[in-house]
Amino acid sequence: MAGDRRSLGDRRAFALSSPRAWLVGMAEQAFGWFVDHAVLPATRVDPVVFRGLMRVFNMLDPPERLLRDPELLLRSLPVLARVLRGDEPAHLFPPVARAAALARLDRVGD
């Protein structure tokens, strides 16, 4: 759910009802940032990271494996350095804007 909220651009403020709620929100955001800036780009260049993410994505492993598996972390960190330098690995498929995809689907129905 947190990943879905991030992909939709939801940047809601953390609940300040308790220190624990705030910490959980911060941890969720940090985890998501690492996945978005290190793990996902690393899947484009490293088959081990790709397999690890797919195992989590297909619910064969729990999500925390992405931060607890030393091999996945070590393989993702150099890619994170590239991303922070502005040298992100190329996308395997060019991004398609939602409006363009919907327009194309609309033409197929004609």
PDB file of N, CA and C in Angstrom:
ATOM      1  N   MET A   1       0.810  -1.191   0.000  1.00  0.00           N
ATOM      2  CA  MET A   1       0.000   0.000   0.000  1.00  0.00           C
ATOM      3  C   MET A   1       0.852   1.252   0.000  1.00  0.00           C
ATOM      4  N   ALA A   2       1.942   1.233   0.738  1.00  0.00           N
ATOM      5  CA  ALA A   2       2.807   2.405   0.781  1.00  0.00           C
ATOM      6  C   ALA A   2       3.388   2.693  -0.589  1.00  0.00           C
ATOM      7  N   GLY A   3       3.784   1.650  -1.309  1.00  0.00           N
ATOM      8  CA  GLY A   3       4.312   1.828  -2.652  1.00  0.00           C
ATOM      9  C   GLY A   3       3.263   2.395  -3.599  1.00  0.00           C
ATOM     10  N   ASP A   4       2.024   1.952  -3.447  1.00  0.00           N
ATOM     11  CA  ASP A   4       0.944   2.485  -4.264  1.00  0.00           C
ATOM     12  C   ASP A   4       0.732   3.971  -3.982  1.00  0.00           C
ATOM     13  N   ARG A   5       0.772   4.334  -2.703  1.00  0.00           N
ATOM     14  CA  ARG A   5       0.602   5.753  -2.352  1.00  0.00           C
ATOM     15  C   ARG A   5       1.730   6.589  -2.947  1.00  0.00           C
ATOM     16  N   ARG A   6       2.983   6.068  -2.878  1.00  0.00           N
ATOM     17  CA  ARG A   6       4.112   6.813  -3.436  1.00  0.00           C
ATOM     18  C   ARG A   6       3.965   6.969  -4.940  1.00  0.00           C
ATOM     19  N   SER A   7       3.549   5.906  -5.629  1.00  0.00           N
ATOM     20  CA  SER A   7       3.433   5.982  -7.087  1.00  0.00           C
ATOM     21  C   SER A   7       2.350   6.965  -7.517  1.00  0.00           C
ATOM     22  N   LEU A   8       1.371   7.189  -6.662  1.00  0.00           N
ATOM     23  CA  LEU A   8       0.319   8.152  -6.961  1.00  0.00           C
ATOM     24  C   LEU A   8       0.683   9.563  -6.521  1.00  0.00           C
ATOM     25  N   GLY A   9       1.866   9.709  -5.919  1.00  0.00           N
ATOM     26  CA  GLY A   9       2.323  11.033  -5.517  1.00  0.00           C
ATOM     27  C   GLY A   9       1.802  11.473  -4.162  1.00  0.00           C
ATOM     28  N   ASP A  10       1.257  10.554  -3.376  1.00  0.00           N
ATOM     29  CA  ASP A  10       0.732  10.897  -2.054  1.00  0.00           C
ATOM     30  C   ASP A  10       1.890  11.117  -1.089  1.00  0.00           C
ATOM     31  N   ARG A  11       2.043  12.312  -0.605  1.00  0.00           N
ATOM     32  CA  ARG A  11       3.108  12.659   0.338  1.00  0.00           C
ATOM     33  C   ARG A  11       2.500  13.139   1.652  1.00  0.00           C
ATOM     34  N   ARG A  12       1.462  12.446   2.118  1.00  0.00           N
ATOM     35  CA  ARG A  12       0.775  12.896   3.332  1.00  0.00           C
ATOM     36  C   ARG A  12       1.719  12.973   4.523  1.00  0.00           C
ATOM     37  N   ALA A  13       1.407  13.883   5.396  1.00  0.00           N
ATOM     38  CA  ALA A  13       2.215  14.052   6.606  1.00  0.00           C
ATOM     39  C   ALA A  13       2.018  12.854   7.521  1.00  0.00           C
ATOM     40  N   PHE A  14       3.037  12.542   8.264  1.00  0.00           N
ATOM     41  CA  PHE A  14       2.961  11.417   9.193  1.00  0.00           C
ATOM     42  C   PHE A  14       2.020  11.750  10.340  1.00  0.00           C
ATOM     43  N   ALA A  15       1.315  10.737  10.785  1.00  0.00           N
ATOM     44  CA  ALA A  15       0.431  10.913  11.935  1.00  0.00           C
ATOM     45  C   ALA A  15       1.285  11.234  13.162  1.00  0.00           C
ATOM     46  N   LEU A  16       0.935  12.278  13.819  1.00  0.00           N
ATOM     47  CA  LEU A  16       1.698  12.683  15.001  1.00  0.00           C
ATOM     48  C   LEU A  16       1.005  12.221  16.279  1.00  0.00           C
ATOM     49  N   SER A  17       0.139  11.202  16.160  1.00  0.00           N
ATOM     50  CA  SER A  17      -0.596  10.729  17.322  1.00  0.00           C
ATOM     51  C   SER A  17       0.321  10.129  18.377  1.00  0.00           C
ATOM     52  N   SER A  18       1.454   9.605  17.935  1.00  0.00           N
ATOM     53  CA  SER A  18       2.400   9.030  18.896  1.00  0.00           C
ATOM     54  C   SER A  18       3.785   9.001  18.262  1.00  0.00           C
ATOM     55  N   PRO A  19       4.802   8.960  19.097  1.00  0.00           N
ATOM     56  CA  PRO A  19       6.160   8.852  18.546  1.00  0.00           C
ATOM     57  C   PRO A  19       6.334   7.586  17.702  1.00  0.00           C
ATOM     58  N   ARG A  20       5.694   6.507  18.128  1.00  0.00           N
ATOM     59  CA  ARG A  20       5.799   5.250  17.365  1.00  0.00           C
ATOM     60  C   ARG A  20       5.194   5.399  15.965  1.00  0.00           C
ATOM     61  N   ALA A  21       4.041   6.036  15.871  1.00  0.00           N
ATOM     62  CA  ALA A  21       3.404   6.235  14.571  1.00  0.00           C
ATOM     63  C   ALA A  21       4.303   7.075  13.668  1.00  0.00           C
ATOM     64  N   TRP A  22       4.930   8.082  14.249  1.00  0.00           N
ATOM     65  CA  TRP A  22       5.830   8.929  13.472  1.00  0.00           C
ATOM     66  C   TRP A  22       7.021   8.120  12.971  1.00  0.00           C
ATOM     67  N   LEU A  23       7.615   7.287  13.853  1.00  0.00           N
ATOM     68  CA  LEU A  23       8.759   6.452  13.455  1.00  0.00           C
ATOM     69  C   LEU A  23       8.385   5.448  12.383  1.00  0.00           C
ATOM     70  N   VAL A  24       7.212   4.862  12.500  1.00  0.00           N
ATOM     71  CA  VAL A  24       6.750   3.910  11.485  1.00  0.00           C
ATOM     72  C   VAL A  24       6.612   4.625  10.142  1.00  0.00           C
ATOM     73  N   GLY A  25       6.056   5.820  10.158  1.00  0.00           N
ATOM     74  CA  GLY A  25       5.920   6.586   8.917  1.00  0.00           C
ATOM     75  C   GLY A  25       7.265   6.929   8.307  1.00  0.00           C
ATOM     76  N   MET A  26       8.213   7.334   9.147  1.00  0.00           N
ATOM     77  CA  MET A  26       9.558   7.659   8.653  1.00  0.00           C
ATOM     78  C   MET A  26      10.248   6.429   8.076  1.00  0.00           C
ATOM     79  N   ALA A  27      10.125   5.287   8.758  1.00  0.00           N
ATOM     80  CA  ALA A  27      10.738   4.042   8.275  1.00  0.00           C
ATOM     81  C   ALA A  27      10.125   3.623   6.953  1.00  0.00           C
ATOM     82  N   GLU A  28       8.816   3.764   6.830  1.00  0.00           N
ATOM     83  CA  GLU A  28       8.129   3.428   5.587  1.00  0.00           C
ATOM     84  C   GLU A  28       8.644   4.301   4.441  1.00  0.00           C
ATOM     85  N   GLN A  29       8.796   5.576   4.709  1.00  0.00           N
ATOM     86  CA  GLN A  29       9.271   6.485   3.677  1.00  0.00           C
ATOM     87  C   GLN A  29      10.729   6.188   3.292  1.00  0.00           C
ATOM     88  N   ALA A  30      11.570   5.898   4.273  1.00  0.00           N
ATOM     89  CA  ALA A  30      12.978   5.574   3.994  1.00  0.00           C
ATOM     90  C   ALA A  30      13.093   4.281   3.200  1.00  0.00           C
ATOM     91  N   PHE A  31      12.330   3.284   3.568  1.00  0.00           N
ATOM     92  CA  PHE A  31      12.325   2.010   2.845  1.00  0.00           C
ATOM     93  C   PHE A  31      11.909   2.234   1.397  1.00  0.00           C
ATOM     94  N   GLY A  32      10.846   2.995   1.208  1.00  0.00           N
ATOM     95  CA  GLY A  32      10.365   3.282  -0.148  1.00  0.00           C
ATOM     96  C   GLY A  32      11.382   4.052  -0.969  1.00  0.00           C
ATOM     97  N   TRP A  33      12.050   5.006  -0.327  1.00  0.00           N
ATOM     98  CA  TRP A  33      13.065   5.792  -1.033  1.00  0.00           C
ATOM     99  C   TRP A  33      14.190   4.884  -1.508  1.00  0.00           C
ATOM    100  N   PHE A  34      14.640   3.969  -0.644  1.00  0.00           N
ATOM    101  CA  PHE A  34      15.722   3.062  -1.012  1.00  0.00           C
ATOM    102  C   PHE A  34      15.289   2.133  -2.151  1.00  0.00           C
ATOM    103  N   VAL A  35      14.090   1.628  -2.081  1.00  0.00           N
ATOM    104  CA  VAL A  35      13.595   0.759  -3.157  1.00  0.00           C
ATOM    105  C   VAL A  35      13.524   1.544  -4.464  1.00  0.00           C
ATOM    106  N   ASP A  36      12.976   2.750  -4.419  1.00  0.00           N
ATOM    107  CA  ASP A  36      12.814   3.555  -5.638  1.00  0.00           C
ATOM    108  C   ASP A  36      14.146   3.997  -6.247  1.00  0.00           C
ATOM    109  N   HIS A  37      15.135   4.321  -5.402  1.00  0.00           N
ATOM    110  CA  HIS A  37      16.385   4.897  -5.900  1.00  0.00           C
ATOM    111  C   HIS A  37      17.551   3.916  -5.997  1.00  0.00           C
ATOM    112  N   ALA A  38      17.415   2.752  -5.404  1.00  0.00           N
ATOM    113  CA  ALA A  38      18.518   1.784  -5.433  1.00  0.00           C
ATOM    114  C   ALA A  38      18.078   0.444  -6.001  1.00  0.00           C
ATOM    115  N   VAL A  39      17.079  -0.172  -5.387  1.00  0.00           N
ATOM    116  CA  VAL A  39      16.701  -1.532  -5.791  1.00  0.00           C
ATOM    117  C   VAL A  39      16.103  -1.554  -7.199  1.00  0.00           C
ATOM    118  N   LEU A  40      15.107  -0.712  -7.445  1.00  0.00           N
ATOM    119  CA  LEU A  40      14.480  -0.735  -8.782  1.00  0.00           C
ATOM    120  C   LEU A  40      15.476  -0.427  -9.903  1.00  0.00           C
ATOM    121  N   PRO A  41      16.294   0.625  -9.794  1.00  0.00           N
ATOM    122  CA  PRO A  41      17.287   0.840 -10.854  1.00  0.00           C
ATOM    123  C   PRO A  41      18.294  -0.313 -10.964  1.00  0.00           C
ATOM    124  N   ALA A  42      18.629  -0.945  -9.833  1.00  0.00           N
ATOM    125  CA  ALA A  42      19.586  -2.059  -9.873  1.00  0.00           C
ATOM    126  C   ALA A  42      19.017  -3.263 -10.611  1.00  0.00           C
ATOM    127  N   THR A  43      17.701  -3.397 -10.627  1.00  0.00           N
ATOM    128  CA  THR A  43      17.106  -4.526 -11.359  1.00  0.00           C
ATOM    129  C   THR A  43      17.372  -4.430 -12.856  1.00  0.00           C
ATOM    130  N   ARG A  44      17.702  -3.241 -13.335  1.00  0.00           N
ATOM    131  CA  ARG A  44      17.969  -3.055 -14.770  1.00  0.00           C
ATOM    132  C   ARG A  44      19.354  -3.533 -15.173  1.00  0.00           C
ATOM    133  N   VAL A  45      20.250  -3.699 -14.196  1.00  0.00           N
ATOM    134  CA  VAL A  45      21.634  -4.066 -14.525  1.00  0.00           C
ATOM    135  C   VAL A  45      22.136  -5.288 -13.777  1.00  0.00           C
ATOM    136  N   ASP A  46      21.390  -5.768 -12.794  1.00  0.00           N
ATOM    137  CA  ASP A  46      21.876  -6.878 -11.974  1.00  0.00           C
ATOM    138  C   ASP A  46      20.795  -7.955 -11.845  1.00  0.00           C
ATOM    139  N   PRO A  47      21.025  -9.122 -12.435  1.00  0.00           N
ATOM    140  CA  PRO A  47      20.007 -10.182 -12.390  1.00  0.00           C
ATOM    141  C   PRO A  47      19.746 -10.707 -10.980  1.00  0.00           C
ATOM    142  N   VAL A  48      20.724 -10.632 -10.082  1.00  0.00           N
ATOM    143  CA  VAL A  48      20.520 -11.100  -8.703  1.00  0.00           C
ATOM    144  C   VAL A  48      19.518 -10.189  -7.996  1.00  0.00           C
ATOM    145  N   VAL A  49      19.660  -8.887  -8.174  1.00  0.00           N
ATOM    146  CA  VAL A  49      18.717  -7.941  -7.565  1.00  0.00           C
ATOM    147  C   VAL A  49      17.345  -8.107  -8.215  1.00  0.00           C
ATOM    148  N   PHE A  50      17.317  -8.299  -9.516  1.00  0.00           N
ATOM    149  CA  PHE A  50      16.048  -8.511 -10.213  1.00  0.00           C
ATOM    150  C   PHE A  50      15.323  -9.726  -9.643  1.00  0.00           C
ATOM    151  N   ARG A  51      16.037 -10.845  -9.492  1.00  0.00           N
ATOM    152  CA  ARG A  51      15.423 -12.050  -8.934  1.00  0.00           C
ATOM    153  C   ARG A  51      14.947 -11.809  -7.500  1.00  0.00           C
ATOM    154  N   GLY A  52      15.743 -11.106  -6.703  1.00  0.00           N
ATOM    155  CA  GLY A  52      15.338 -10.809  -5.328  1.00  0.00           C
ATOM    156  C   GLY A  52      14.059  -9.996  -5.273  1.00  0.00           C
ATOM    157  N   LEU A  53      13.961  -8.972  -6.113  1.00  0.00           N
ATOM    158  CA  LEU A  53      12.756  -8.148  -6.138  1.00  0.00           C
ATOM    159  C   LEU A  53      11.569  -8.954  -6.645  1.00  0.00           C
ATOM    160  N   MET A  54      11.775  -9.774  -7.636  1.00  0.00           N
ATOM    161  CA  MET A  54      10.668 -10.584  -8.157  1.00  0.00           C
ATOM    162  C   MET A  54      10.179 -11.592  -7.125  1.00  0.00           C
ATOM    163  N   ARG A  55      11.087 -12.107  -6.293  1.00  0.00           N
ATOM    164  CA  ARG A  55      10.672 -13.025  -5.228  1.00  0.00           C
ATOM    165  C   ARG A  55       9.797 -12.293  -4.213  1.00  0.00           C
ATOM    166  N   VAL A  56      10.135 -11.046  -3.913  1.00  0.00           N
ATOM    167  CA  VAL A  56       9.304 -10.258  -3.005  1.00  0.00           C
ATOM    168  C   VAL A  56       7.993  -9.895  -3.691  1.00  0.00           C
ATOM    169  N   PHE A  57       8.076  -9.449  -4.943  1.00  0.00           N
ATOM    170  CA  PHE A  57       6.900  -9.039  -5.703  1.00  0.00           C
ATOM    171  C   PHE A  57       5.892 -10.187  -5.825  1.00  0.00           C
ATOM    172  N   ASN A  58       6.380 -11.404  -5.987  1.00  0.00           N
ATOM    173  CA  ASN A  58       5.513 -12.571  -6.136  1.00  0.00           C
ATOM    174  C   ASN A  58       5.232 -13.261  -4.805  1.00  0.00           C
ATOM    175  N   MET A  59       5.549 -12.582  -3.711  1.00  0.00           N
ATOM    176  CA  MET A  59       5.256 -13.015  -2.350  1.00  0.00           C
ATOM    177  C   MET A  59       5.903 -14.344  -1.969  1.00  0.00           C
ATOM    178  N   LEU A  60       7.056 -14.629  -2.556  1.00  0.00           N
ATOM    179  CA  LEU A  60       7.821 -15.799  -2.145  1.00  0.00           C
ATOM    180  C   LEU A  60       8.716 -15.451  -0.966  1.00  0.00           C
ATOM    181  N   ASP A  61       9.092 -14.179  -0.846  1.00  0.00           N
ATOM    182  CA  ASP A  61       9.897 -13.674   0.268  1.00  0.00           C
ATOM    183  C   ASP A  61       9.204 -12.435   0.826  1.00  0.00           C
ATOM    184  N   PRO A  62       9.412 -12.138   2.115  1.00  0.00           N
ATOM    185  CA  PRO A  62       8.798 -10.931   2.697  1.00  0.00           C
ATOM    186  C   PRO A  62       9.502  -9.666   2.200  1.00  0.00           C
ATOM    187  N   PRO A  63       8.807  -8.535   2.179  1.00  0.00           N
ATOM    188  CA  PRO A  63       9.401  -7.283   1.691  1.00  0.00           C
ATOM    189  C   PRO A  63      10.678  -6.871   2.415  1.00  0.00           C
ATOM    190  N   GLU A  64      10.778  -7.171   3.700  1.00  0.00           N
ATOM    191  CA  GLU A  64      11.968  -6.747   4.436  1.00  0.00           C
ATOM    192  C   GLU A  64      13.236  -7.439   3.957  1.00  0.00           C
ATOM    193  N   ARG A  65      13.101  -8.466   3.140  1.00  0.00           N
ATOM    194  CA  ARG A  65      14.289  -9.130   2.588  1.00  0.00           C
ATOM    195  C   ARG A  65      15.137  -8.143   1.786  1.00  0.00           C
ATOM    196  N   LEU A  66      14.486  -7.157   1.174  1.00  0.00           N
ATOM    197  CA  LEU A  66      15.217  -6.182   0.369  1.00  0.00           C
ATOM    198  C   LEU A  66      16.217  -5.383   1.194  1.00  0.00           C
ATOM    199  N   LEU A  67      15.974  -5.244   2.495  1.00  0.00           N
ATOM    200  CA  LEU A  67      16.899  -4.517   3.364  1.00  0.00           C
ATOM    201  C   LEU A  67      17.695  -5.428   4.280  1.00  0.00           C
ATOM    202  N   ARG A  68      17.308  -6.684   4.360  1.00  0.00           N
ATOM    203  CA  ARG A  68      17.999  -7.597   5.274  1.00  0.00           C
ATOM    204  C   ARG A  68      18.968  -8.536   4.572  1.00  0.00           C
ATOM    205  N   ASP A  69      18.863  -8.652   3.275  1.00  0.00           N
ATOM    206  CA  ASP A  69      19.762  -9.546   2.537  1.00  0.00           C
ATOM    207  C   ASP A  69      21.027  -8.761   2.172  1.00  0.00           C
ATOM    208  N   PRO A  70      22.167  -9.111   2.778  1.00  0.00           N
ATOM    209  CA  PRO A  70      23.393  -8.344   2.518  1.00  0.00           C
ATOM    210  C   PRO A  70      23.782  -8.323   1.045  1.00  0.00           C
ATOM    211  N   GLU A  71      23.546  -9.403   0.330  1.00  0.00           N
ATOM    212  CA  GLU A  71      23.920  -9.429  -1.088  1.00  0.00           C
ATOM    213  C   GLU A  71      23.096  -8.430  -1.890  1.00  0.00           C
ATOM    214  N   LEU A  72      21.794  -8.374  -1.635  1.00  0.00           N
ATOM    215  CA  LEU A  72      20.959  -7.411  -2.362  1.00  0.00           C
ATOM    216  C   LEU A  72      21.358  -5.978  -2.026  1.00  0.00           C
ATOM    217  N   LEU A  73      21.659  -5.726  -0.754  1.00  0.00           N
ATOM    218  CA  LEU A  73      22.101  -4.388  -0.363  1.00  0.00           C
ATOM    219  C   LEU A  73      23.406  -4.010  -1.049  1.00  0.00           C
ATOM    220  N   LEU A  74      24.376  -4.899  -0.993  1.00  0.00           N
ATOM    221  CA  LEU A  74      25.689  -4.597  -1.585  1.00  0.00           C
ATOM    222  C   LEU A  74      25.612  -4.414  -3.091  1.00  0.00           C
ATOM    223  N   ARG A  75      24.735  -5.131  -3.737  1.00  0.00           N
ATOM    224  CA  ARG A  75      24.598  -4.992  -5.193  1.00  0.00           C
ATOM    225  C   ARG A  75      23.800  -3.743  -5.567  1.00  0.00           C
ATOM    226  N   SER A  76      22.940  -3.269  -4.658  1.00  0.00           N
ATOM    227  CA  SER A  76      22.113  -2.089  -4.936  1.00  0.00           C
ATOM    228  C   SER A  76      22.840  -0.782  -4.628  1.00  0.00           C
ATOM    229  N   LEU A  77      23.765  -0.786  -3.682  1.00  0.00           N
ATOM    230  CA  LEU A  77      24.422   0.459  -3.273  1.00  0.00           C
ATOM    231  C   LEU A  77      25.207   1.147  -4.392  1.00  0.00           C
ATOM    232  N   PRO A  78      25.977   0.419  -5.218  1.00  0.00           N
ATOM    233  CA  PRO A  78      26.661   1.128  -6.314  1.00  0.00           C
ATOM    234  C   PRO A  78      25.688   1.771  -7.301  1.00  0.00           C
ATOM    235  N   VAL A  79      24.548   1.135  -7.488  1.00  0.00           N
ATOM    236  CA  VAL A  79      23.539   1.717  -8.383  1.00  0.00           C
ATOM    237  C   VAL A  79      22.934   2.954  -7.734  1.00  0.00           C
ATOM    238  N   LEU A  80      22.729   2.920  -6.429  1.00  0.00           N
ATOM    239  CA  LEU A  80      22.244   4.113  -5.729  1.00  0.00           C
ATOM    240  C   LEU A  80      23.223   5.272  -5.919  1.00  0.00           C
ATOM    241  N   ALA A  81      24.518   4.990  -5.833  1.00  0.00           N
ATOM    242  CA  ALA A  81      25.527   6.038  -6.052  1.00  0.00           C
ATOM    243  C   ALA A  81      25.395   6.603  -7.464  1.00  0.00           C
ATOM    244  N   ARG A  82      25.168   5.734  -8.452  1.00  0.00           N
ATOM    245  CA  ARG A  82      24.972   6.208  -9.830  1.00  0.00           C
ATOM    246  C   ARG A  82      23.739   7.091  -9.932  1.00  0.00           C
ATOM    247  N   VAL A  83      22.654   6.670  -9.313  1.00  0.00           N
ATOM    248  CA  VAL A  83      21.408   7.439  -9.369  1.00  0.00           C
ATOM    249  C   VAL A  83      21.613   8.815  -8.746  1.00  0.00           C
ATOM    250  N   LEU A  84      22.283   8.858  -7.599  1.00  0.00           N
ATOM    251  CA  LEU A  84      22.510  10.141  -6.924  1.00  0.00           C
ATOM    252  C   LEU A  84      23.430  11.052  -7.724  1.00  0.00           C
ATOM    253  N   ARG A  85      24.313  10.470  -8.551  1.00  0.00           N
ATOM    254  CA  ARG A  85      25.180  11.261  -9.441  1.00  0.00           C
ATOM    255  C   ARG A  85      24.445  11.725 -10.696  1.00  0.00           C
ATOM    256  N   GLY A  86      23.250  11.170 -10.934  1.00  0.00           N
ATOM    257  CA  GLY A  86      22.504  11.503 -12.139  1.00  0.00           C
ATOM    258  C   GLY A  86      22.808  10.580 -13.294  1.00  0.00           C
ATOM    259  N   ASP A  87      23.406   9.433 -13.017  1.00  0.00           N
ATOM    260  CA  ASP A  87      23.809   8.476 -14.041  1.00  0.00           C
ATOM    261  C   ASP A  87      22.994   7.182 -13.885  1.00  0.00           C
ATOM    262  N   GLU A  88      21.688   7.334 -13.781  1.00  0.00           N
ATOM    263  CA  GLU A  88      20.801   6.193 -13.556  1.00  0.00           C
ATOM    264  C   GLU A  88      20.844   5.232 -14.741  1.00  0.00           C
ATOM    265  N   PRO A  89      20.812   3.906 -14.478  1.00  0.00           N
ATOM    266  CA  PRO A  89      20.772   2.946 -15.590  1.00  0.00           C
ATOM    267  C   PRO A  89      19.545   3.195 -16.466  1.00  0.00           C
ATOM    268  N   ALA A  90      19.705   2.972 -17.743  1.00  0.00           N
ATOM    269  CA  ALA A  90      18.612   3.202 -18.687  1.00  0.00           C
ATOM    270  C   ALA A  90      17.439   2.279 -18.388  1.00  0.00           C
ATOM    271  N   HIS A  91      16.244   2.791 -18.619  1.00  0.00           N
ATOM    272  CA  HIS A  91      15.045   1.973 -18.469  1.00  0.00           C
ATOM    273  C   HIS A  91      15.037   0.922 -19.572  1.00  0.00           C
ATOM    274  N   LEU A  92      14.576  -0.271 -19.243  1.00  0.00           N
ATOM    275  CA  LEU A  92      14.507  -1.327 -20.246  1.00  0.00           C
ATOM    276  C   LEU A  92      13.445  -1.029 -21.292  1.00  0.00           C
ATOM    277  N   PHE A  93      12.384  -0.373 -20.857  1.00  0.00           N
ATOM    278  CA  PHE A  93      11.299  -0.007 -21.760  1.00  0.00           C
ATOM    279  C   PHE A  93      11.042   1.480 -21.580  1.00  0.00           C
ATOM    280  N   PRO A  94      10.823   2.201 -22.672  1.00  0.00           N
ATOM    281  CA  PRO A  94      10.583   3.641 -22.514  1.00  0.00           C
ATOM    282  C   PRO A  94       9.287   3.882 -21.745  1.00  0.00           C
ATOM    283  N   PRO A  95       9.295   4.862 -20.841  1.00  0.00           N
ATOM    284  CA  PRO A  95       8.060   5.175 -20.108  1.00  0.00           C
ATOM    285  C   PRO A  95       6.984   5.668 -21.059  1.00  0.00           C
ATOM    286  N   VAL A  96       5.761   5.288 -20.780  1.00  0.00           N
ATOM    287  CA  VAL A  96       4.619   5.709 -21.599  1.00  0.00           C
ATOM    288  C   VAL A  96       3.680   6.499 -20.700  1.00  0.00           C
ATOM    289  N   ALA A  97       3.352   7.689 -21.130  1.00  0.00           N
ATOM    290  CA  ALA A  97       2.433   8.522 -20.359  1.00  0.00           C
ATOM    291  C   ALA A  97       1.050   7.876 -20.352  1.00  0.00           C
ATOM    292  N   ARG A  98       0.373   7.993 -19.232  1.00  0.00           N
ATOM    293  CA  ARG A  98      -0.959   7.380 -19.094  1.00  0.00           C
ATOM    294  C   ARG A  98      -1.909   7.877 -20.181  1.00  0.00           C
ATOM    295  N   ALA A  99      -1.893   9.172 -20.438  1.00  0.00           N
ATOM    296  CA  ALA A  99      -2.796   9.741 -21.441  1.00  0.00           C
ATOM    297  C   ALA A  99      -2.522   9.140 -22.823  1.00  0.00           C
ATOM    298  N   ALA A 100      -1.245   8.945 -23.149  1.00  0.00           N
ATOM    299  CA  ALA A 100      -0.897   8.354 -24.443  1.00  0.00           C
ATOM    300  C   ALA A 100      -1.379   6.906 -24.534  1.00  0.00           C
ATOM    301  N   ALA A 101      -1.235   6.163 -23.450  1.00  0.00           N
ATOM    302  CA  ALA A 101      -1.686   4.770 -23.443  1.00  0.00           C
ATOM    303  C   ALA A 101      -3.200   4.694 -23.596  1.00  0.00           C
ATOM    304  N   LEU A 102      -3.920   5.563 -22.877  1.00  0.00           N
ATOM    305  CA  LEU A 102      -5.375   5.559 -22.985  1.00  0.00           C
ATOM    306  C   LEU A 102      -5.835   5.962 -24.381  1.00  0.00           C
ATOM    307  N   ALA A 103      -5.152   6.938 -24.984  1.00  0.00           N
ATOM    308  CA  ALA A 103      -5.510   7.360 -26.334  1.00  0.00           C
ATOM    309  C   ALA A 103      -5.287   6.225 -27.331  1.00  0.00           C
ATOM    310  N   ARG A 104      -4.210   5.498 -27.150  1.00  0.00           N
ATOM    311  CA  ARG A 104      -3.908   4.374 -28.050  1.00  0.00           C
ATOM    312  C   ARG A 104      -4.949   3.273 -27.886  1.00  0.00           C
ATOM    313  N   LEU A 105      -5.327   2.986 -26.645  1.00  0.00           N
ATOM    314  CA  LEU A 105      -6.359   1.977 -26.394  1.00  0.00           C
ATOM    315  C   LEU A 105      -7.696   2.416 -26.974  1.00  0.00           C
ATOM    316  N   ASP A 106      -7.974   3.691 -26.929  1.00  0.00           N
ATOM    317  CA  ASP A 106      -9.202   4.222 -27.492  1.00  0.00           C
ATOM    318  C   ASP A 106      -9.261   4.000 -28.994  1.00  0.00           C
ATOM    319  N   ARG A 107      -8.116   4.172 -29.667  1.00  0.00           N
ATOM    320  CA  ARG A 107      -8.059   3.968 -31.125  1.00  0.00           C
ATOM    321  C   ARG A 107      -8.245   2.501 -31.496  1.00  0.00           C
ATOM    322  N   VAL A 108      -7.785   1.587 -30.635  1.00  0.00           N
ATOM    323  CA  VAL A 108      -7.900   0.160 -30.915  1.00  0.00           C
ATOM    324  C   VAL A 108      -9.362  -0.259 -30.924  1.00  0.00           C
ATOM    325  N   GLY A 109     -10.175   0.357 -30.081  1.00  0.00           N
ATOM    326  CA  GLY A 109     -11.584   0.005 -29.989  1.00  0.00           C
ATOM    327  C   GLY A 109     -12.418   0.468 -31.185  1.00  0.00           C
ATOM    328  N   ASP A 110     -11.860   1.331 -32.011  1.00  0.00           N
ATOM    329  CA  ASP A 110     -12.632   1.857 -33.165  1.00  0.00           C
ATOM    330  C   ASP A 110     -12.688   0.886 -34.307  1.00  0.00           C
TER     331      ASP A 110
END
